[in-house]
């Protein structure tokens, strides 16, 4: 059970990383200590729905700053990093996100 306001624990990282893509968003490591959220190229109303679902997940898991390195490492171990296999997909997403203000980017 997740309690709102309680910081995410290290053992919850795999669940968090698995739950975010279930919304239609993406989650990638950006270097060794950072990660970012993305969204598919969808209509504005769908993007708002995805962002709201991602924000709800983030609120349920709580603060993550203390585990940035661990989250980034877990993502990289799955090949979800901008330095590895996901680089082209992330760079395309970053290009789109520069034009979109509705996309949440957190690190």
PDB file of N, CA and C in Angstrom:
ATOM      1  N   UNK A   1       0.843  -1.189   0.000  1.00  0.00           N
ATOM      2  CA  UNK A   1       0.000   0.000   0.000  1.00  0.00           C
ATOM      3  C   UNK A   1       0.880   1.241   0.000  1.00  0.00           C
ATOM      4  N   UNK A   2       0.519   2.214  -0.839  1.00  0.00           N
ATOM      5  CA  UNK A   2       1.257   3.466  -0.903  1.00  0.00           C
ATOM      6  C   UNK A   2       0.533   4.517  -0.082  1.00  0.00           C
ATOM      7  N   UNK A   3       1.291   5.295   0.658  1.00  0.00           N
ATOM      8  CA  UNK A   3       0.723   6.372   1.458  1.00  0.00           C
ATOM      9  C   UNK A   3       1.149   7.703   0.867  1.00  0.00           C
ATOM     10  N   UNK A   4       0.190   8.547   0.545  1.00  0.00           N
ATOM     11  CA  UNK A   4       0.486   9.850  -0.035  1.00  0.00           C
ATOM     12  C   UNK A   4       1.325  10.668   0.930  1.00  0.00           C
ATOM     13  N   UNK A   5       2.377  11.293   0.418  1.00  0.00           N
ATOM     14  CA  UNK A   5       3.233  12.146   1.229  1.00  0.00           C
ATOM     15  C   UNK A   5       4.444  11.441   1.793  1.00  0.00           C
ATOM     16  N   UNK A   6       4.448  10.110   1.765  1.00  0.00           N
ATOM     17  CA  UNK A   6       5.590   9.335   2.236  1.00  0.00           C
ATOM     18  C   UNK A   6       6.518   9.134   1.049  1.00  0.00           C
ATOM     19  N   UNK A   7       7.814   9.343   1.257  1.00  0.00           N
ATOM     20  CA  UNK A   7       8.780   9.231   0.165  1.00  0.00           C
ATOM     21  C   UNK A   7       8.859   7.799  -0.351  1.00  0.00           C
ATOM     22  N   UNK A   8       9.091   7.680  -1.635  1.00  0.00           N
ATOM     23  CA  UNK A   8       9.265   6.378  -2.266  1.00  0.00           C
ATOM     24  C   UNK A   8      10.451   5.650  -1.636  1.00  0.00           C
ATOM     25  N   UNK A   9      10.299   4.333  -1.502  1.00  0.00           N
ATOM     26  CA  UNK A   9      11.385   3.499  -0.982  1.00  0.00           C
ATOM     27  C   UNK A   9      12.113   2.846  -2.155  1.00  0.00           C
ATOM     28  N   UNK A  10      13.346   2.455  -1.923  1.00  0.00           N
ATOM     29  CA  UNK A  10      14.152   1.853  -2.983  1.00  0.00           C
ATOM     30  C   UNK A  10      13.494   0.597  -3.551  1.00  0.00           C
ATOM     31  N   UNK A  11      12.800  -0.172  -2.730  1.00  0.00           N
ATOM     32  CA  UNK A  11      12.158  -1.396  -3.215  1.00  0.00           C
ATOM     33  C   UNK A  11      10.921  -1.117  -4.070  1.00  0.00           C
ATOM     34  N   UNK A  12      10.464   0.140  -4.104  1.00  0.00           N
ATOM     35  CA  UNK A  12       9.308   0.513  -4.919  1.00  0.00           C
ATOM     36  C   UNK A  12       9.702   1.016  -6.306  1.00  0.00           C
ATOM     37  N   UNK A  13      10.995   1.193  -6.545  1.00  0.00           N
ATOM     38  CA  UNK A  13      11.445   1.727  -7.834  1.00  0.00           C
ATOM     39  C   UNK A  13      10.958   0.879  -9.009  1.00  0.00           C
ATOM     40  N   UNK A  14      11.121  -0.445  -9.000  1.00  0.00           N
ATOM     41  CA  UNK A  14      10.640  -1.227 -10.149  1.00  0.00           C
ATOM     42  C   UNK A  14       9.144  -1.043 -10.424  1.00  0.00           C
ATOM     43  N   UNK A  15       8.343  -0.967  -9.386  1.00  0.00           N
ATOM     44  CA  UNK A  15       6.899  -0.763  -9.568  1.00  0.00           C
ATOM     45  C   UNK A  15       6.614   0.608 -10.159  1.00  0.00           C
ATOM     46  N   UNK A  16       7.299   1.626  -9.647  1.00  0.00           N
ATOM     47  CA  UNK A  16       7.132   2.987 -10.155  1.00  0.00           C
ATOM     48  C   UNK A  16       7.493   3.036 -11.635  1.00  0.00           C
ATOM     49  N   UNK A  17       8.648   2.463 -11.984  1.00  0.00           N
ATOM     50  CA  UNK A  17       9.137   2.472 -13.366  1.00  0.00           C
ATOM     51  C   UNK A  17       8.197   1.686 -14.284  1.00  0.00           C
ATOM     52  N   UNK A  18       7.564   0.658 -13.784  1.00  0.00           N
ATOM     53  CA  UNK A  18       6.622  -0.132 -14.579  1.00  0.00           C
ATOM     54  C   UNK A  18       5.280   0.578 -14.731  1.00  0.00           C
ATOM     55  N   UNK A  19       4.866   1.298 -13.707  1.00  0.00           N
ATOM     56  CA  UNK A  19       3.543   1.930 -13.713  1.00  0.00           C
ATOM     57  C   UNK A  19       3.471   3.146 -14.635  1.00  0.00           C
ATOM     58  N   UNK A  20       4.531   3.932 -14.709  1.00  0.00           N
ATOM     59  CA  UNK A  20       4.499   5.151 -15.531  1.00  0.00           C
ATOM     60  C   UNK A  20       4.178   4.845 -16.996  1.00  0.00           C
ATOM     61  N   UNK A  21       4.847   3.886 -17.652  1.00  0.00           N
ATOM     62  CA  UNK A  21       4.519   3.606 -19.055  1.00  0.00           C
ATOM     63  C   UNK A  21       3.099   3.094 -19.273  1.00  0.00           C
ATOM     64  N   UNK A  22       2.467   2.567 -18.245  1.00  0.00           N
ATOM     65  CA  UNK A  22       1.090   2.101 -18.389  1.00  0.00           C
ATOM     66  C   UNK A  22       0.135   3.254 -18.688  1.00  0.00           C
ATOM     67  N   UNK A  23       0.583   4.483 -18.484  1.00  0.00           N
ATOM     68  CA  UNK A  23      -0.233   5.665 -18.764  1.00  0.00           C
ATOM     69  C   UNK A  23      -0.141   6.096 -20.218  1.00  0.00           C
ATOM     70  N   UNK A  24       0.885   5.623 -20.920  1.00  0.00           N
ATOM     71  CA  UNK A  24       1.158   6.087 -22.270  1.00  0.00           C
ATOM     72  C   UNK A  24       2.346   7.023 -22.309  1.00  0.00           C
ATOM     73  N   UNK A  25       2.864   7.382 -21.137  1.00  0.00           N
ATOM     74  CA  UNK A  25       4.054   8.234 -21.052  1.00  0.00           C
ATOM     75  C   UNK A  25       5.301   7.355 -21.122  1.00  0.00           C
ATOM     76  N   UNK A  26       6.448   7.987 -21.176  1.00  0.00           N
ATOM     77  CA  UNK A  26       7.713   7.268 -21.162  1.00  0.00           C
ATOM     78  C   UNK A  26       8.553   7.779 -20.008  1.00  0.00           C
ATOM     79  N   UNK A  27       9.546   7.008 -19.639  1.00  0.00           N
ATOM     80  CA  UNK A  27      10.438   7.359 -18.541  1.00  0.00           C
ATOM     81  C   UNK A  27      11.824   6.878 -18.932  1.00  0.00           C
ATOM     82  N   UNK A  28      12.806   7.788 -18.948  1.00  0.00           N
ATOM     83  CA  UNK A  28      14.164   7.459 -19.373  1.00  0.00           C
ATOM     84  C   UNK A  28      15.190   8.017 -18.410  1.00  0.00           C
ATOM     85  N   UNK A  29      16.279   7.274 -18.247  1.00  0.00           N
ATOM     86  CA  UNK A  29      17.438   7.785 -17.517  1.00  0.00           C
ATOM     87  C   UNK A  29      18.119   8.820 -18.403  1.00  0.00           C
ATOM     88  N   UNK A  30      18.627   9.859 -17.773  1.00  0.00           N
ATOM     89  CA  UNK A  30      19.387  10.900 -18.475  1.00  0.00           C
ATOM     90  C   UNK A  30      20.696  11.063 -17.729  1.00  0.00           C
ATOM     91  N   UNK A  31      21.675  10.277 -18.109  1.00  0.00           N
ATOM     92  CA  UNK A  31      22.929  10.267 -17.374  1.00  0.00           C
ATOM     93  C   UNK A  31      22.811   9.372 -16.153  1.00  0.00           C
ATOM     94  N   UNK A  32      23.765   9.504 -15.246  1.00  0.00           N
ATOM     95  CA  UNK A  32      23.811   8.617 -14.085  1.00  0.00           C
ATOM     96  C   UNK A  32      22.899   9.043 -12.940  1.00  0.00           C
ATOM     97  N   UNK A  33      22.512  10.310 -12.898  1.00  0.00           N
ATOM     98  CA  UNK A  33      21.798  10.814 -11.727  1.00  0.00           C
ATOM     99  C   UNK A  33      20.455  11.463 -12.022  1.00  0.00           C
ATOM    100  N   UNK A  34      19.982  11.367 -13.250  1.00  0.00           N
ATOM    101  CA  UNK A  34      18.744  12.061 -13.607  1.00  0.00           C
ATOM    102  C   UNK A  34      17.866  11.165 -14.473  1.00  0.00           C
ATOM    103  N   UNK A  35      16.611  11.532 -14.551  1.00  0.00           N
ATOM    104  CA  UNK A  35      15.677  10.844 -15.431  1.00  0.00           C
ATOM    105  C   UNK A  35      14.627  11.847 -15.868  1.00  0.00           C
ATOM    106  N   UNK A  36      13.890  11.499 -16.919  1.00  0.00           N
ATOM    107  CA  UNK A  36      12.864  12.406 -17.415  1.00  0.00           C
ATOM    108  C   UNK A  36      11.631  11.625 -17.826  1.00  0.00           C
ATOM    109  N   UNK A  37      10.508  12.311 -17.741  1.00  0.00           N
ATOM    110  CA  UNK A  37       9.236  11.765 -18.175  1.00  0.00           C
ATOM    111  C   UNK A  37       8.952  12.311 -19.564  1.00  0.00           C
ATOM    112  N   UNK A  38       8.267  11.517 -20.364  1.00  0.00           N
ATOM    113  CA  UNK A  38       7.855  11.980 -21.681  1.00  0.00           C
ATOM    114  C   UNK A  38       6.435  11.535 -21.949  1.00  0.00           C
ATOM    115  N   UNK A  39       5.976  11.844 -23.115  1.00  0.00           N
ATOM    116  CA  UNK A  39       4.647  11.408 -23.535  1.00  0.00           C
ATOM    117  C   UNK A  39       4.692  11.139 -25.027  1.00  0.00           C
ATOM    118  N   UNK A  40       3.816  10.286 -25.502  1.00  0.00           N
ATOM    119  CA  UNK A  40       3.771  10.056 -26.942  1.00  0.00           C
ATOM    120  C   UNK A  40       3.215  11.283 -27.648  1.00  0.00           C
ATOM    121  N   UNK A  41       3.411  11.340 -28.935  1.00  0.00           N
ATOM    122  CA  UNK A  41       2.904  12.443 -29.736  1.00  0.00           C
ATOM    123  C   UNK A  41       1.412  12.212 -29.960  1.00  0.00           C
ATOM    124  N   UNK A  42       0.598  12.800 -29.092  1.00  0.00           N
ATOM    125  CA  UNK A  42      -0.851  12.580 -29.111  1.00  0.00           C
ATOM    126  C   UNK A  42      -1.566  13.929 -29.096  1.00  0.00           C
ATOM    127  N   UNK A  43      -2.861  13.946 -29.404  1.00  0.00           N
ATOM    128  CA  UNK A  43      -3.625  15.195 -29.330  1.00  0.00           C
ATOM    129  C   UNK A  43      -3.566  15.804 -27.923  1.00  0.00           C
ATOM    130  N   UNK A  44      -3.764  17.110 -27.867  1.00  0.00           N
ATOM    131  CA  UNK A  44      -3.636  17.865 -26.619  1.00  0.00           C
ATOM    132  C   UNK A  44      -4.493  17.292 -25.491  1.00  0.00           C
ATOM    133  N   UNK A  45      -5.751  16.953 -25.773  1.00  0.00           N
ATOM    134  CA  UNK A  45      -6.616  16.447 -24.702  1.00  0.00           C
ATOM    135  C   UNK A  45      -6.109  15.114 -24.158  1.00  0.00           C
ATOM    136  N   UNK A  46      -5.572  14.274 -25.010  1.00  0.00           N
ATOM    137  CA  UNK A  46      -5.007  12.999 -24.563  1.00  0.00           C
ATOM    138  C   UNK A  46      -3.723  13.249 -23.768  1.00  0.00           C
ATOM    139  N   UNK A  47      -2.919  14.234 -24.196  1.00  0.00           N
ATOM    140  CA  UNK A  47      -1.680  14.568 -23.480  1.00  0.00           C
ATOM    141  C   UNK A  47      -1.994  15.041 -22.067  1.00  0.00           C
ATOM    142  N   UNK A  48      -3.041  15.839 -21.912  1.00  0.00           N
ATOM    143  CA  UNK A  48      -3.435  16.306 -20.583  1.00  0.00           C
ATOM    144  C   UNK A  48      -3.868  15.137 -19.705  1.00  0.00           C
ATOM    145  N   UNK A  49      -4.577  14.186 -20.288  1.00  0.00           N
ATOM    146  CA  UNK A  49      -5.017  13.001 -19.541  1.00  0.00           C
ATOM    147  C   UNK A  49      -3.809  12.174 -19.085  1.00  0.00           C
ATOM    148  N   UNK A  50      -2.854  11.986 -19.980  1.00  0.00           N
ATOM    149  CA  UNK A  50      -1.645  11.231 -19.643  1.00  0.00           C
ATOM    150  C   UNK A  50      -0.864  11.947 -18.545  1.00  0.00           C
ATOM    151  N   UNK A  51      -0.692  13.261 -18.689  1.00  0.00           N
ATOM    152  CA  UNK A  51       0.045  14.036 -17.678  1.00  0.00           C
ATOM    153  C   UNK A  51      -0.635  13.927 -16.316  1.00  0.00           C
ATOM    154  N   UNK A  52      -1.958  13.980 -16.290  1.00  0.00           N
ATOM    155  CA  UNK A  52      -2.688  13.868 -15.021  1.00  0.00           C
ATOM    156  C   UNK A  52      -2.478  12.489 -14.392  1.00  0.00           C
ATOM    157  N   UNK A  53      -2.475  11.453 -15.207  1.00  0.00           N
ATOM    158  CA  UNK A  53      -2.256  10.098 -14.681  1.00  0.00           C
ATOM    159  C   UNK A  53      -0.838   9.951 -14.135  1.00  0.00           C
ATOM    160  N   UNK A  54       0.154  10.487 -14.865  1.00  0.00           N
ATOM    161  CA  UNK A  54       1.545  10.431 -14.393  1.00  0.00           C
ATOM    162  C   UNK A  54       1.681  11.208 -13.092  1.00  0.00           C
ATOM    163  N   UNK A  55       1.098  12.390 -13.033  1.00  0.00           N
ATOM    164  CA  UNK A  55       1.168  13.181 -11.805  1.00  0.00           C
ATOM    165  C   UNK A  55       0.521  12.446 -10.636  1.00  0.00           C
ATOM    166  N   UNK A  56      -0.579  11.738 -10.885  1.00  0.00           N
ATOM    167  CA  UNK A  56      -1.220  10.949  -9.835  1.00  0.00           C
ATOM    168  C   UNK A  56      -0.306   9.842  -9.318  1.00  0.00           C
ATOM    169  N   UNK A  57       0.387   9.184 -10.231  1.00  0.00           N
ATOM    170  CA  UNK A  57       1.349   8.145  -9.835  1.00  0.00           C
ATOM    171  C   UNK A  57       2.453   8.755  -8.987  1.00  0.00           C
ATOM    172  N   UNK A  58       2.982   9.880  -9.437  1.00  0.00           N
ATOM    173  CA  UNK A  58       4.061  10.548  -8.695  1.00  0.00           C
ATOM    174  C   UNK A  58       3.608  10.954  -7.300  1.00  0.00           C
ATOM    175  N   UNK A  59       2.393  11.443  -7.185  1.00  0.00           N
ATOM    176  CA  UNK A  59       1.873  11.820  -5.870  1.00  0.00           C
ATOM    177  C   UNK A  59       1.729  10.595  -4.965  1.00  0.00           C
ATOM    178  N   UNK A  60       1.258   9.492  -5.510  1.00  0.00           N
ATOM    179  CA  UNK A  60       1.091   8.281  -4.704  1.00  0.00           C
ATOM    180  C   UNK A  60       2.420   7.731  -4.207  1.00  0.00           C
ATOM    181  N   UNK A  61       3.445   7.763  -5.058  1.00  0.00           N
ATOM    182  CA  UNK A  61       4.746   7.242  -4.638  1.00  0.00           C
ATOM    183  C   UNK A  61       5.498   8.231  -3.760  1.00  0.00           C
ATOM    184  N   UNK A  62       5.187   9.504  -3.856  1.00  0.00           N
ATOM    185  CA  UNK A  62       5.828  10.504  -3.006  1.00  0.00           C
ATOM    186  C   UNK A  62       7.152  11.007  -3.560  1.00  0.00           C
ATOM    187  N   UNK A  63       7.837  11.831  -2.769  1.00  0.00           N
ATOM    188  CA  UNK A  63       9.100  12.431  -3.206  1.00  0.00           C
ATOM    189  C   UNK A  63      10.116  11.371  -3.643  1.00  0.00           C
ATOM    190  N   UNK A  64      10.868  11.714  -4.708  1.00  0.00           N
ATOM    191  CA  UNK A  64      11.831  10.780  -5.283  1.00  0.00           C
ATOM    192  C   UNK A  64      13.244  11.336  -5.338  1.00  0.00           C
ATOM    193  N   UNK A  65      13.446  12.570  -4.946  1.00  0.00           N
ATOM    194  CA  UNK A  65      14.765  13.205  -5.082  1.00  0.00           C
ATOM    195  C   UNK A  65      15.885  12.397  -4.442  1.00  0.00           C
ATOM    196  N   UNK A  66      15.617  11.778  -3.307  1.00  0.00           N
ATOM    197  CA  UNK A  66      16.645  11.024  -2.589  1.00  0.00           C
ATOM    198  C   UNK A  66      17.050   9.737  -3.310  1.00  0.00           C
ATOM    199  N   UNK A  67      16.284   9.345  -4.333  1.00  0.00           N
ATOM    200  CA  UNK A  67      16.584   8.111  -5.067  1.00  0.00           C
ATOM    201  C   UNK A  67      16.813   8.351  -6.563  1.00  0.00           C
ATOM    202  N   UNK A  68      17.170   9.570  -6.940  1.00  0.00           N
ATOM    203  CA  UNK A  68      17.378   9.867  -8.360  1.00  0.00           C
ATOM    204  C   UNK A  68      18.397   8.936  -8.997  1.00  0.00           C
ATOM    205  N   UNK A  69      19.519   8.716  -8.329  1.00  0.00           N
ATOM    206  CA  UNK A  69      20.566   7.863  -8.885  1.00  0.00           C
ATOM    207  C   UNK A  69      20.065   6.431  -9.048  1.00  0.00           C
ATOM    208  N   UNK A  70      19.353   5.925  -8.062  1.00  0.00           N
ATOM    209  CA  UNK A  70      18.850   4.558  -8.109  1.00  0.00           C
ATOM    210  C   UNK A  70      17.784   4.386  -9.191  1.00  0.00           C
ATOM    211  N   UNK A  71      16.911   5.375  -9.344  1.00  0.00           N
ATOM    212  CA  UNK A  71      15.893   5.315 -10.399  1.00  0.00           C
ATOM    213  C   UNK A  71      16.568   5.349 -11.760  1.00  0.00           C
ATOM    214  N   UNK A  72      17.531   6.246 -11.928  1.00  0.00           N
ATOM    215  CA  UNK A  72      18.270   6.333 -13.182  1.00  0.00           C
ATOM    216  C   UNK A  72      18.983   5.019 -13.493  1.00  0.00           C
ATOM    217  N   UNK A  73      19.615   4.427 -12.495  1.00  0.00           N
ATOM    218  CA  UNK A  73      20.315   3.151 -12.687  1.00  0.00           C
ATOM    219  C   UNK A  73      19.352   2.042 -13.091  1.00  0.00           C
ATOM    220  N   UNK A  74      18.194   2.008 -12.450  1.00  0.00           N
ATOM    221  CA  UNK A  74      17.205   0.979 -12.789  1.00  0.00           C
ATOM    222  C   UNK A  74      16.735   1.153 -14.234  1.00  0.00           C
ATOM    223  N   UNK A  75      16.449   2.383 -14.628  1.00  0.00           N
ATOM    224  CA  UNK A  75      16.029   2.640 -16.006  1.00  0.00           C
ATOM    225  C   UNK A  75      17.115   2.222 -16.992  1.00  0.00           C
ATOM    226  N   UNK A  76      18.361   2.582 -16.695  1.00  0.00           N
ATOM    227  CA  UNK A  76      19.476   2.218 -17.577  1.00  0.00           C
ATOM    228  C   UNK A  76      19.615   0.702 -17.681  1.00  0.00           C
ATOM    229  N   UNK A  77      19.391  -0.010 -16.577  1.00  0.00           N
ATOM    230  CA  UNK A  77      19.503  -1.475 -16.603  1.00  0.00           C
ATOM    231  C   UNK A  77      18.452  -2.107 -17.509  1.00  0.00           C
ATOM    232  N   UNK A  78      17.369  -1.379 -17.759  1.00  0.00           N
ATOM    233  CA  UNK A  78      16.307  -1.848 -18.650  1.00  0.00           C
ATOM    234  C   UNK A  78      16.510  -1.364 -20.083  1.00  0.00           C
ATOM    235  N   UNK A  79      17.608  -0.631 -20.326  1.00  0.00           N
ATOM    236  CA  UNK A  79      17.869  -0.080 -21.654  1.00  0.00           C
ATOM    237  C   UNK A  79      17.103   1.195 -21.928  1.00  0.00           C
ATOM    238  N   UNK A  80      16.564   1.813 -20.886  1.00  0.00           N
ATOM    239  CA  UNK A  80      15.774   3.036 -21.028  1.00  0.00           C
ATOM    240  C   UNK A  80      16.608   4.239 -20.624  1.00  0.00           C
ATOM    241  N   UNK A  81      17.624   4.528 -21.422  1.00  0.00           N
ATOM    242  CA  UNK A  81      18.490   5.665 -21.127  1.00  0.00           C
ATOM    243  C   UNK A  81      18.867   6.377 -22.416  1.00  0.00           C
ATOM    244  N   UNK A  82      19.160   7.664 -22.310  1.00  0.00           N
ATOM    245  CA  UNK A  82      19.492   8.420 -23.515  1.00  0.00           C
ATOM    246  C   UNK A  82      20.897   8.136 -24.006  1.00  0.00           C
ATOM    247  N   UNK A  83      21.715   7.460 -23.206  1.00  0.00           N
ATOM    248  CA  UNK A  83      23.061   7.111 -23.633  1.00  0.00           C
ATOM    249  C   UNK A  83      23.110   5.747 -24.302  1.00  0.00           C
ATOM    250  N   UNK A  84      22.022   5.004 -24.225  1.00  0.00           N
ATOM    251  CA  UNK A  84      22.019   3.641 -24.749  1.00  0.00           C
ATOM    252  C   UNK A  84      20.969   3.447 -25.817  1.00  0.00           C
ATOM    253  N   UNK A  85      20.254   2.351 -25.737  1.00  0.00           N
ATOM    254  CA  UNK A  85      19.309   1.944 -26.767  1.00  0.00           C
ATOM    255  C   UNK A  85      18.173   2.936 -26.985  1.00  0.00           C
ATOM    256  N   UNK A  86      17.796   3.676 -25.981  1.00  0.00           N
ATOM    257  CA  UNK A  86      16.667   4.590 -26.108  1.00  0.00           C
ATOM    258  C   UNK A  86      17.025   5.955 -26.654  1.00  0.00           C
ATOM    259  N   UNK A  87      18.290   6.175 -27.004  1.00  0.00           N
ATOM    260  CA  UNK A  87      18.753   7.515 -27.361  1.00  0.00           C
ATOM    261  C   UNK A  87      17.941   8.155 -28.474  1.00  0.00           C
ATOM    262  N   UNK A  88      17.718   7.485 -29.569  1.00  0.00           N
ATOM    263  CA  UNK A  88      17.004   8.096 -30.691  1.00  0.00           C
ATOM    264  C   UNK A  88      15.576   8.451 -30.319  1.00  0.00           C
ATOM    265  N   UNK A  89      14.896   7.547 -29.614  1.00  0.00           N
ATOM    266  CA  UNK A  89      13.515   7.829 -29.204  1.00  0.00           C
ATOM    267  C   UNK A  89      13.467   9.030 -28.277  1.00  0.00           C
ATOM    268  N   UNK A  90      14.388   9.116 -27.338  1.00  0.00           N
ATOM    269  CA  UNK A  90      14.385  10.224 -26.389  1.00  0.00           C
ATOM    270  C   UNK A  90      14.720  11.528 -27.087  1.00  0.00           C
ATOM    271  N   UNK A  91      15.683  11.506 -27.985  1.00  0.00           N
ATOM    272  CA  UNK A  91      16.034  12.738 -28.684  1.00  0.00           C
ATOM    273  C   UNK A  91      14.868  13.228 -29.529  1.00  0.00           C
ATOM    274  N   UNK A  92      14.121  12.310 -30.147  1.00  0.00           N
ATOM    275  CA  UNK A  92      12.925  12.737 -30.886  1.00  0.00           C
ATOM    276  C   UNK A  92      11.912  13.332 -29.920  1.00  0.00           C
ATOM    277  N   UNK A  93      11.734  12.709 -28.743  1.00  0.00           N
ATOM    278  CA  UNK A  93      10.799  13.240 -27.754  1.00  0.00           C
ATOM    279  C   UNK A  93      11.251  14.616 -27.284  1.00  0.00           C
ATOM    280  N   UNK A  94      12.547  14.776 -27.020  1.00  0.00           N
ATOM    281  CA  UNK A  94      13.049  16.069 -26.559  1.00  0.00           C
ATOM    282  C   UNK A  94      12.794  17.146 -27.593  1.00  0.00           C
ATOM    283  N   UNK A  95      12.931  16.816 -28.872  1.00  0.00           N
ATOM    284  CA  UNK A  95      12.658  17.779 -29.931  1.00  0.00           C
ATOM    285  C   UNK A  95      11.198  18.206 -29.892  1.00  0.00           C
ATOM    286  N   UNK A  96      10.276  17.270 -29.704  1.00  0.00           N
ATOM    287  CA  UNK A  96       8.851  17.618 -29.613  1.00  0.00           C
ATOM    288  C   UNK A  96       8.558  18.396 -28.343  1.00  0.00           C
ATOM    289  N   UNK A  97       9.181  18.000 -27.229  1.00  0.00           N
ATOM    290  CA  UNK A  97       8.857  18.635 -25.958  1.00  0.00           C
ATOM    291  C   UNK A  97       9.266  20.098 -25.932  1.00  0.00           C
ATOM    292  N   UNK A  98      10.259  20.460 -26.734  1.00  0.00           N
ATOM    293  CA  UNK A  98      10.680  21.857 -26.777  1.00  0.00           C
ATOM    294  C   UNK A  98       9.556  22.737 -27.309  1.00  0.00           C
ATOM    295  N   UNK A  99       8.638  22.139 -28.064  1.00  0.00           N
ATOM    296  CA  UNK A  99       7.527  22.898 -28.628  1.00  0.00           C
ATOM    297  C   UNK A  99       6.250  22.743 -27.814  1.00  0.00           C
ATOM    298  N   UNK A 100       6.277  21.909 -26.794  1.00  0.00           N
ATOM    299  CA  UNK A 100       5.069  21.605 -26.040  1.00  0.00           C
ATOM    300  C   UNK A 100       5.208  22.045 -24.593  1.00  0.00           C
ATOM    301  N   UNK A 101       4.235  22.802 -24.111  1.00  0.00           N
ATOM    302  CA  UNK A 101       4.269  23.210 -22.710  1.00  0.00           C
ATOM    303  C   UNK A 101       3.426  22.288 -21.842  1.00  0.00           C
ATOM    304  N   UNK A 102       2.693  21.362 -22.452  1.00  0.00           N
ATOM    305  CA  UNK A 102       1.825  20.486 -21.666  1.00  0.00           C
ATOM    306  C   UNK A 102       2.533  19.220 -21.200  1.00  0.00           C
ATOM    307  N   UNK A 103       3.766  19.029 -21.606  1.00  0.00           N
ATOM    308  CA  UNK A 103       4.480  17.801 -21.287  1.00  0.00           C
ATOM    309  C   UNK A 103       5.272  17.942 -19.997  1.00  0.00           C
ATOM    310  N   UNK A 104       5.030  17.075 -19.008  1.00  0.00           N
ATOM    311  CA  UNK A 104       5.798  17.156 -17.771  1.00  0.00           C
ATOM    312  C   UNK A 104       7.213  16.635 -17.970  1.00  0.00           C
ATOM    313  N   UNK A 105       8.200  17.403 -17.583  1.00  0.00           N
ATOM    314  CA  UNK A 105       9.588  16.964 -17.613  1.00  0.00           C
ATOM    315  C   UNK A 105      10.119  17.145 -16.211  1.00  0.00           C
ATOM    316  N   UNK A 106      10.429  16.051 -15.559  1.00  0.00           N
ATOM    317  CA  UNK A 106      10.888  16.082 -14.182  1.00  0.00           C
ATOM    318  C   UNK A 106      12.205  15.358 -14.081  1.00  0.00           C
ATOM    319  N   UNK A 107      13.068  15.815 -13.207  1.00  0.00           N
ATOM    320  CA  UNK A 107      14.329  15.101 -12.970  1.00  0.00           C
ATOM    321  C   UNK A 107      14.714  15.254 -11.522  1.00  0.00           C
TER     322      UNK A 107
END
